[in-house]
Amino acid sequence: MKKSRPGALLTVLAKMEDANRLTKLIFAETTTLGVRRRDEQRQTLSRRWETVDTTWGPVRIKIAGMNGSISNYAPEYEDCRALAEAHHVPLKQVMEEAVRTYAVGKKDG
């Protein structure tokens, strides 16, 4: 943005080996006069999958952890979306039941 004109920020996450090709593409397809590049580092939690049975069918739960303890868990969106669509129920309802089922099983186990 310059001189109070509106602007847009384009962020591209890519492999280093694709950077030159993507920079050329950005120059060819946009009106930009410059591209900033930087190397980013990413840290991730270890992940594993468990499956829970819901009223509408099985849903995979992604479980993230650190140092042997569970940090976070979430139902697999595509599993929930497919079940919601197939059974004509709200996606939110399927996701909530999957989380609830996992949480109850976690307390029991």
Protein backbone atom coordinates (compact mmCIF):
# COMPACT_ATOMS: atom_id res chain seq x y z
CA MET A 1 0.00 0.00 0.00
CA LYS A 2 1.43 3.34 -1.00
CA LYS A 3 0.09 6.89 -0.91
CA SER A 4 -3.12 5.69 0.78
CA ARG A 5 -4.03 3.48 -2.16
CA PRO A 6 -5.57 0.13 -1.33
CA GLY A 7 -3.30 -2.87 -1.53
CA ALA A 8 -3.37 -6.60 -1.17
CA LEU A 9 -0.91 -8.89 0.56
CA LEU A 10 -0.23 -12.22 -1.10
CA THR A 11 1.49 -14.86 1.02
CA VAL A 12 2.72 -18.05 -0.62
CA LEU A 13 3.96 -21.02 1.36
CA ALA A 14 6.12 -23.20 -0.83
CA LYS A 15 9.14 -25.45 -0.93
CA MET A 16 12.46 -23.65 -1.46
CA GLU A 17 12.98 -25.41 -4.78
CA ASP A 18 9.73 -23.86 -6.08
CA ALA A 19 10.54 -20.28 -5.01
CA ASN A 20 12.02 -19.01 -8.29
CA ARG A 21 9.24 -20.50 -10.39
CA LEU A 22 6.56 -19.06 -8.13
CA THR A 23 8.24 -15.64 -8.04
CA LYS A 24 8.20 -15.56 -11.86
CA LEU A 25 4.53 -16.55 -11.80
CA ILE A 26 3.68 -13.77 -9.34
CA PHE A 27 5.45 -11.20 -11.52
CA ALA A 28 3.68 -12.50 -14.63
CA GLU A 29 0.19 -12.66 -13.10
CA THR A 30 0.12 -9.56 -10.87
CA THR A 31 1.02 -5.89 -11.08
CA THR A 32 3.62 -6.10 -8.29
CA LEU A 33 7.04 -4.57 -8.74
CA GLY A 34 8.69 -6.57 -5.97
CA VAL A 35 8.56 -9.79 -4.01
CA ARG A 36 9.94 -10.36 -0.51
CA ARG A 37 11.18 -13.84 0.34
CA ARG A 38 12.15 -15.37 3.62
CA ASP A 39 12.86 -18.80 4.97
CA GLU A 40 10.41 -19.89 7.67
CA GLN A 41 10.79 -22.71 10.15
CA ARG A 42 7.93 -24.77 11.49
CA GLN A 43 7.63 -26.90 14.58
CA THR A 44 4.81 -29.37 14.96
CA LEU A 45 3.44 -31.52 17.71
CA SER A 46 3.55 -35.27 17.30
CA ARG A 47 0.27 -36.59 15.93
CA ARG A 48 -1.65 -39.82 15.92
CA TRP A 49 -5.12 -40.90 14.86
CA GLU A 50 -7.90 -42.70 16.69
CA THR A 51 -11.35 -43.52 15.38
CA VAL A 52 -14.55 -42.95 17.33
CA ASP A 53 -17.99 -44.29 16.48
CA THR A 54 -20.72 -41.66 16.23
CA THR A 55 -24.44 -42.05 15.63
CA TRP A 56 -23.77 -41.57 11.91
CA GLY A 57 -20.59 -43.59 11.52
CA PRO A 58 -16.86 -43.60 12.30
CA VAL A 59 -14.86 -40.37 12.55
CA ARG A 60 -11.08 -40.13 12.79
CA ILE A 61 -9.78 -37.92 15.60
CA LYS A 62 -6.38 -36.27 15.19
CA ILE A 63 -4.56 -36.22 18.51
CA ALA A 64 -1.59 -33.92 19.03
CA GLY A 65 0.79 -34.33 21.90
CA MET A 66 4.04 -33.27 23.46
CA ASN A 67 6.21 -35.16 25.93
CA GLY A 68 3.67 -37.96 26.16
CA SER A 69 0.69 -35.79 27.06
CA ILE A 70 -2.24 -34.81 24.85
CA SER A 71 -2.17 -31.13 23.88
CA ASN A 72 -5.10 -31.01 21.52
CA TYR A 73 -7.49 -33.17 19.54
CA ALA A 74 -9.93 -32.53 16.72
CA PRO A 75 -12.24 -34.55 14.47
CA GLU A 76 -11.21 -35.00 10.84
CA TYR A 77 -13.23 -32.44 8.92
CA GLU A 78 -13.72 -34.53 5.78
CA ASP A 79 -15.03 -37.52 7.78
CA CYS A 80 -17.55 -35.28 9.54
CA ARG A 81 -18.55 -33.47 6.36
CA ALA A 82 -19.23 -36.74 4.51
CA LEU A 83 -21.34 -38.13 7.36
CA ALA A 84 -23.29 -34.88 7.77
CA GLU A 85 -24.04 -34.78 4.05
CA ALA A 86 -24.98 -38.47 3.85
CA HIS A 87 -27.31 -38.29 6.87
CA HIS A 88 -28.66 -34.77 6.29
CA VAL A 89 -27.56 -33.46 9.67
CA PRO A 90 -25.62 -30.29 10.52
CA LEU A 91 -21.84 -30.64 10.26
CA LYS A 92 -21.48 -28.99 13.66
CA GLN A 93 -23.60 -31.72 15.24
CA VAL A 94 -21.40 -34.50 13.84
CA MET A 95 -18.21 -32.71 14.92
CA GLU A 96 -19.53 -32.08 18.43
CA GLU A 97 -20.55 -35.71 18.89
CA ALA A 98 -17.16 -36.94 17.66
CA VAL A 99 -15.34 -34.70 20.15
CA ARG A 100 -17.70 -35.65 22.96
CA THR A 101 -17.31 -39.37 22.21
CA TYR A 102 -13.54 -39.11 22.18
CA ALA A 103 -13.47 -37.08 25.42
CA VAL A 104 -15.69 -39.60 27.24
CA GLY A 105 -13.56 -42.51 26.01
CA LYS A 106 -10.41 -40.69 27.09
CA LYS A 107 -11.73 -40.34 30.66
CA ASP A 108 -12.66 -44.02 30.78
CA GLY A 109 -9.34 -45.23 29.35
